[in-house]
Amino acid sequence: MDKKLKKKSLCKWDKSDAQESWAEFSGLVGKSKFVCGKCLRSAKLKGMLCKPEKLAKPA
């Protein structure tokens, strides 16, 4: 993963960041456990979002 992107939360990624690093992006959002309370992006890891909130497990 690009060092510059590693320091960014997913909330700060733009469309071109995701397109250029699709494999890494897919790995970070697959089977998401958290959602950003500000922009509603989702991620597996809490630290990848600026205002993470835990997603409820599906019923």
PDB file of N, CA and C in Angstrom:
ATOM      1  N   MET A   1       0.847  -1.178   0.000  1.00  0.00           N
ATOM      2  CA  MET A   1       0.000   0.000   0.000  1.00  0.00           C
ATOM      3  C   MET A   1       0.888   1.236   0.000  1.00  0.00           C
ATOM      4  N   ASP A   2       0.462   2.225  -0.701  1.00  0.00           N
ATOM      5  CA  ASP A   2       1.160   3.506  -0.770  1.00  0.00           C
ATOM      6  C   ASP A   2       1.275   4.091   0.642  1.00  0.00           C
ATOM      7  N   LYS A   3       2.472   4.531   1.029  1.00  0.00           N
ATOM      8  CA  LYS A   3       2.687   5.085   2.378  1.00  0.00           C
ATOM      9  C   LYS A   3       1.753   6.257   2.662  1.00  0.00           C
ATOM     10  N   LYS A   4       1.486   7.068   1.635  1.00  0.00           N
ATOM     11  CA  LYS A   4       0.614   8.228   1.793  1.00  0.00           C
ATOM     12  C   LYS A   4      -0.805   7.777   2.163  1.00  0.00           C
ATOM     13  N   LEU A   5      -1.304   6.732   1.515  1.00  0.00           N
ATOM     14  CA  LEU A   5      -2.651   6.237   1.798  1.00  0.00           C
ATOM     15  C   LEU A   5      -2.723   5.545   3.146  1.00  0.00           C
ATOM     16  N   LYS A   6      -1.630   4.916   3.562  1.00  0.00           N
ATOM     17  CA  LYS A   6      -1.609   4.198   4.836  1.00  0.00           C
ATOM     18  C   LYS A   6      -1.892   5.146   6.003  1.00  0.00           C
ATOM     19  N   LYS A   7      -1.477   6.396   5.889  1.00  0.00           N
ATOM     20  CA  LYS A   7      -1.660   7.370   6.961  1.00  0.00           C
ATOM     21  C   LYS A   7      -3.043   8.014   6.930  1.00  0.00           C
ATOM     22  N   LYS A   8      -3.766   7.877   5.811  1.00  0.00           N
ATOM     23  CA  LYS A   8      -5.086   8.486   5.660  1.00  0.00           C
ATOM     24  C   LYS A   8      -6.172   7.557   6.188  1.00  0.00           C
ATOM     25  N   SER A   9      -7.206   8.131   6.780  1.00  0.00           N
ATOM     26  CA  SER A   9      -8.380   7.321   7.082  1.00  0.00           C
ATOM     27  C   SER A   9      -9.131   7.153   5.764  1.00  0.00           C
ATOM     28  N   LEU A  10      -9.942   6.121   5.655  1.00  0.00           N
ATOM     29  CA  LEU A  10     -10.718   5.918   4.434  1.00  0.00           C
ATOM     30  C   LEU A  10     -11.617   7.110   4.144  1.00  0.00           C
ATOM     31  N   CYS A  11     -11.985   7.839   5.167  1.00  0.00           N
ATOM     32  CA  CYS A  11     -12.840   9.020   5.013  1.00  0.00           C
ATOM     33  C   CYS A  11     -12.169  10.076   4.141  1.00  0.00           C
ATOM     34  N   LYS A  12     -10.852  10.073   4.099  1.00  0.00           N
ATOM     35  CA  LYS A  12     -10.097  11.066   3.339  1.00  0.00           C
ATOM     36  C   LYS A  12      -9.721  10.581   1.939  1.00  0.00           C
ATOM     37  N   TRP A  13      -9.931   9.287   1.635  1.00  0.00           N
ATOM     38  CA  TRP A  13      -9.618   8.762   0.309  1.00  0.00           C
ATOM     39  C   TRP A  13     -10.581   9.367  -0.696  1.00  0.00           C
ATOM     40  N   ASP A  14     -10.081   9.694  -1.881  1.00  0.00           N
ATOM     41  CA  ASP A  14     -10.986  10.105  -2.946  1.00  0.00           C
ATOM     42  C   ASP A  14     -11.126   8.946  -3.935  1.00  0.00           C
ATOM     43  N   LYS A  15     -11.933   9.132  -4.944  1.00  0.00           N
ATOM     44  CA  LYS A  15     -12.234   8.058  -5.885  1.00  0.00           C
ATOM     45  C   LYS A  15     -10.970   7.525  -6.559  1.00  0.00           C
ATOM     46  N   SER A  16     -10.052   8.409  -6.930  1.00  0.00           N
ATOM     47  CA  SER A  16      -8.829   7.971  -7.611  1.00  0.00           C
ATOM     48  C   SER A  16      -7.933   7.147  -6.685  1.00  0.00           C
ATOM     49  N   ASP A  17      -7.912   7.461  -5.382  1.00  0.00           N
ATOM     50  CA  ASP A  17      -7.132   6.663  -4.431  1.00  0.00           C
ATOM     51  C   ASP A  17      -7.641   5.224  -4.424  1.00  0.00           C
ATOM     52  N   ALA A  18      -8.949   5.060  -4.370  1.00  0.00           N
ATOM     53  CA  ALA A  18      -9.549   3.724  -4.341  1.00  0.00           C
ATOM     54  C   ALA A  18      -9.288   2.981  -5.649  1.00  0.00           C
ATOM     55  N   GLN A  19      -9.404   3.666  -6.766  1.00  0.00           N
ATOM     56  CA  GLN A  19      -9.186   3.027  -8.064  1.00  0.00           C
ATOM     57  C   GLN A  19      -7.738   2.591  -8.239  1.00  0.00           C
ATOM     58  N   GLU A  20      -6.795   3.405  -7.807  1.00  0.00           N
ATOM     59  CA  GLU A  20      -5.373   3.099  -7.961  1.00  0.00           C
ATOM     60  C   GLU A  20      -4.912   2.001  -7.011  1.00  0.00           C
ATOM     61  N   SER A  21      -5.590   1.828  -5.884  1.00  0.00           N
ATOM     62  CA  SER A  21      -5.204   0.830  -4.876  1.00  0.00           C
ATOM     63  C   SER A  21      -6.389  -0.085  -4.577  1.00  0.00           C
ATOM     64  N   TRP A  22      -7.028  -0.592  -5.627  1.00  0.00           N
ATOM     65  CA  TRP A  22      -8.274  -1.344  -5.472  1.00  0.00           C
ATOM     66  C   TRP A  22      -8.129  -2.566  -4.570  1.00  0.00           C
ATOM     67  N   ALA A  23      -7.065  -3.340  -4.701  1.00  0.00           N
ATOM     68  CA  ALA A  23      -6.890  -4.547  -3.881  1.00  0.00           C
ATOM     69  C   ALA A  23      -6.817  -4.191  -2.397  1.00  0.00           C
ATOM     70  N   GLU A  24      -6.049  -3.171  -2.051  1.00  0.00           N
ATOM     71  CA  GLU A  24      -5.942  -2.746  -0.656  1.00  0.00           C
ATOM     72  C   GLU A  24      -7.274  -2.199  -0.156  1.00  0.00           C
ATOM     73  N   PHE A  25      -7.937  -1.399  -0.987  1.00  0.00           N
ATOM     74  CA  PHE A  25      -9.228  -0.816  -0.619  1.00  0.00           C
ATOM     75  C   PHE A  25     -10.246  -1.926  -0.341  1.00  0.00           C
ATOM     76  N   SER A  26     -10.297  -2.906  -1.220  1.00  0.00           N
ATOM     77  CA  SER A  26     -11.236  -4.021  -1.053  1.00  0.00           C
ATOM     78  C   SER A  26     -10.968  -4.782   0.239  1.00  0.00           C
ATOM     79  N   GLY A  27      -9.696  -4.971   0.562  1.00  0.00           N
ATOM     80  CA  GLY A  27      -9.335  -5.666   1.796  1.00  0.00           C
ATOM     81  C   GLY A  27      -9.724  -4.899   3.049  1.00  0.00           C
ATOM     82  N   LEU A  28      -9.723  -3.579   2.966  1.00  0.00           N
ATOM     83  CA  LEU A  28     -10.052  -2.752   4.126  1.00  0.00           C
ATOM     84  C   LEU A  28     -11.548  -2.633   4.376  1.00  0.00           C
ATOM     85  N   VAL A  29     -12.357  -2.784   3.334  1.00  0.00           N
ATOM     86  CA  VAL A  29     -13.800  -2.593   3.502  1.00  0.00           C
ATOM     87  C   VAL A  29     -14.602  -3.893   3.484  1.00  0.00           C
ATOM     88  N   GLY A  30     -14.002  -4.989   3.034  1.00  0.00           N
ATOM     89  CA  GLY A  30     -14.721  -6.265   2.977  1.00  0.00           C
ATOM     90  C   GLY A  30     -15.152  -6.718   4.359  1.00  0.00           C
ATOM     91  N   LYS A  31     -16.384  -7.182   4.482  1.00  0.00           N
ATOM     92  CA  LYS A  31     -16.957  -7.629   5.761  1.00  0.00           C
ATOM     93  C   LYS A  31     -16.762  -6.566   6.846  1.00  0.00           C
ATOM     94  N   SER A  32     -17.193  -5.381   6.547  1.00  0.00           N
ATOM     95  CA  SER A  32     -17.031  -4.229   7.441  1.00  0.00           C
ATOM     96  C   SER A  32     -17.651  -4.450   8.812  1.00  0.00           C
ATOM     97  N   LYS A  33     -16.972  -3.929   9.830  1.00  0.00           N
ATOM     98  CA  LYS A  33     -17.449  -4.003  11.211  1.00  0.00           C
ATOM     99  C   LYS A  33     -17.751  -2.620  11.773  1.00  0.00           C
ATOM    100  N   PHE A  34     -17.251  -1.571  11.087  1.00  0.00           N
ATOM    101  CA  PHE A  34     -17.417  -0.204  11.566  1.00  0.00           C
ATOM    102  C   PHE A  34     -17.906   0.693  10.436  1.00  0.00           C
ATOM    103  N   VAL A  35     -18.603   1.754  10.803  1.00  0.00           N
ATOM    104  CA  VAL A  35     -19.058   2.761   9.851  1.00  0.00           C
ATOM    105  C   VAL A  35     -18.674   4.129  10.414  1.00  0.00           C
ATOM    106  N   CYS A  36     -18.309   5.061   9.535  1.00  0.00           N
ATOM    107  CA  CYS A  36     -17.969   6.411   9.975  1.00  0.00           C
ATOM    108  C   CYS A  36     -19.260   7.174  10.257  1.00  0.00           C
ATOM    109  N   GLY A  37     -19.358   7.760  11.425  1.00  0.00           N
ATOM    110  CA  GLY A  37     -20.532   8.528  11.798  1.00  0.00           C
ATOM    111  C   GLY A  37     -20.647   9.843  11.044  1.00  0.00           C
ATOM    112  N   LYS A  38     -19.578  10.255  10.381  1.00  0.00           N
ATOM    113  CA  LYS A  38     -19.564  11.527   9.652  1.00  0.00           C
ATOM    114  C   LYS A  38     -19.908  11.337   8.169  1.00  0.00           C
ATOM    115  N   CYS A  39     -19.223  10.413   7.491  1.00  0.00           N
ATOM    116  CA  CYS A  39     -19.406  10.274   6.041  1.00  0.00           C
ATOM    117  C   CYS A  39     -20.038   8.948   5.628  1.00  0.00           C
ATOM    118  N   LEU A  40     -20.275   8.054   6.584  1.00  0.00           N
ATOM    119  CA  LEU A  40     -20.920   6.757   6.368  1.00  0.00           C
ATOM    120  C   LEU A  40     -20.095   5.766   5.558  1.00  0.00           C
ATOM    121  N   ARG A  41     -18.789   5.962   5.468  1.00  0.00           N
ATOM    122  CA  ARG A  41     -17.938   4.946   4.845  1.00  0.00           C
ATOM    123  C   ARG A  41     -17.776   3.812   5.840  1.00  0.00           C
ATOM    124  N   SER A  42     -17.456   2.631   5.340  1.00  0.00           N
ATOM    125  CA  SER A  42     -17.328   1.482   6.234  1.00  0.00           C
ATOM    126  C   SER A  42     -15.945   0.857   6.103  1.00  0.00           C
ATOM    127  N   ALA A  43     -15.527   0.127   7.152  1.00  0.00           N
ATOM    128  CA  ALA A  43     -14.218  -0.519   7.167  1.00  0.00           C
ATOM    129  C   ALA A  43     -14.212  -1.673   8.158  1.00  0.00           C
ATOM    130  N   LYS A  44     -13.255  -2.585   7.959  1.00  0.00           N
ATOM    131  CA  LYS A  44     -13.069  -3.691   8.902  1.00  0.00           C
ATOM    132  C   LYS A  44     -12.396  -3.210  10.175  1.00  0.00           C
ATOM    133  N   LEU A  45     -11.495  -2.242  10.043  1.00  0.00           N
ATOM    134  CA  LEU A  45     -10.701  -1.773  11.175  1.00  0.00           C
ATOM    135  C   LEU A  45     -11.167  -0.399  11.648  1.00  0.00           C
ATOM    136  N   LYS A  46     -11.337  -0.253  12.934  1.00  0.00           N
ATOM    137  CA  LYS A  46     -11.792   0.995  13.551  1.00  0.00           C
ATOM    138  C   LYS A  46     -10.875   2.170  13.207  1.00  0.00           C
ATOM    139  N   GLY A  47      -9.579   1.931  13.189  1.00  0.00           N
ATOM    140  CA  GLY A  47      -8.594   2.980  12.957  1.00  0.00           C
ATOM    141  C   GLY A  47      -8.573   3.543  11.545  1.00  0.00           C
ATOM    142  N   MET A  48      -9.324   2.954  10.626  1.00  0.00           N
ATOM    143  CA  MET A  48      -9.345   3.427   9.246  1.00  0.00           C
ATOM    144  C   MET A  48     -10.406   4.500   9.010  1.00  0.00           C
ATOM    145  N   LEU A  49     -11.187   4.843  10.049  1.00  0.00           N
ATOM    146  CA  LEU A  49     -12.259   5.830   9.913  1.00  0.00           C
ATOM    147  C   LEU A  49     -12.038   6.982  10.881  1.00  0.00           C
ATOM    148  N   CYS A  50     -12.543   8.176  10.542  1.00  0.00           N
ATOM    149  CA  CYS A  50     -12.314   9.329  11.420  1.00  0.00           C
ATOM    150  C   CYS A  50     -13.288   9.364  12.605  1.00  0.00           C
ATOM    151  N   LYS A  51     -14.517   8.891  12.445  1.00  0.00           N
ATOM    152  CA  LYS A  51     -15.497   8.846  13.537  1.00  0.00           C
ATOM    153  C   LYS A  51     -16.169   7.471  13.528  1.00  0.00           C
ATOM    154  N   PRO A  52     -15.414   6.410  13.893  1.00  0.00           N
ATOM    155  CA  PRO A  52     -15.943   5.048  13.785  1.00  0.00           C
ATOM    156  C   PRO A  52     -17.052   4.732  14.790  1.00  0.00           C
ATOM    157  N   GLU A  53     -18.043   3.989  14.305  1.00  0.00           N
ATOM    158  CA  GLU A  53     -19.113   3.467  15.147  1.00  0.00           C
ATOM    159  C   GLU A  53     -19.287   2.002  14.782  1.00  0.00           C
ATOM    160  N   LYS A  54     -19.423   1.153  15.774  1.00  0.00           N
ATOM    161  CA  LYS A  54     -19.550  -0.282  15.530  1.00  0.00           C
ATOM    162  C   LYS A  54     -20.894  -0.585  14.869  1.00  0.00           C
ATOM    163  N   LEU A  55     -20.845  -1.416  13.822  1.00  0.00           N
ATOM    164  CA  LEU A  55     -22.069  -1.847  13.154  1.00  0.00           C
ATOM    165  C   LEU A  55     -22.719  -2.958  13.970  1.00  0.00           C
ATOM    166  N   ALA A  56     -24.024  -2.963  14.020  1.00  0.00           N
ATOM    167  CA  ALA A  56     -24.750  -4.037  14.696  1.00  0.00           C
ATOM    168  C   ALA A  56     -24.686  -5.285  13.823  1.00  0.00           C
ATOM    169  N   LYS A  57     -24.631  -6.454  14.450  1.00  0.00           N
ATOM    170  CA  LYS A  57     -24.633  -7.708  13.700  1.00  0.00           C
ATOM    171  C   LYS A  57     -26.014  -7.908  13.088  1.00  0.00           C
ATOM    172  N   PRO A  58     -26.051  -8.412  11.842  1.00  0.00           N
ATOM    173  CA  PRO A  58     -27.356  -8.656  11.222  1.00  0.00           C
ATOM    174  C   PRO A  58     -28.126  -9.736  11.975  1.00  0.00           C
ATOM    175  N   ALA A  59     -29.424  -9.593  12.003  1.00  0.00           N
ATOM    176  CA  ALA A  59     -30.272 -10.547  12.736  1.00  0.00           C
ATOM    177  C   ALA A  59     -30.387 -11.861  12.019  1.00  0.00           C
TER     178      ALA A  59
END
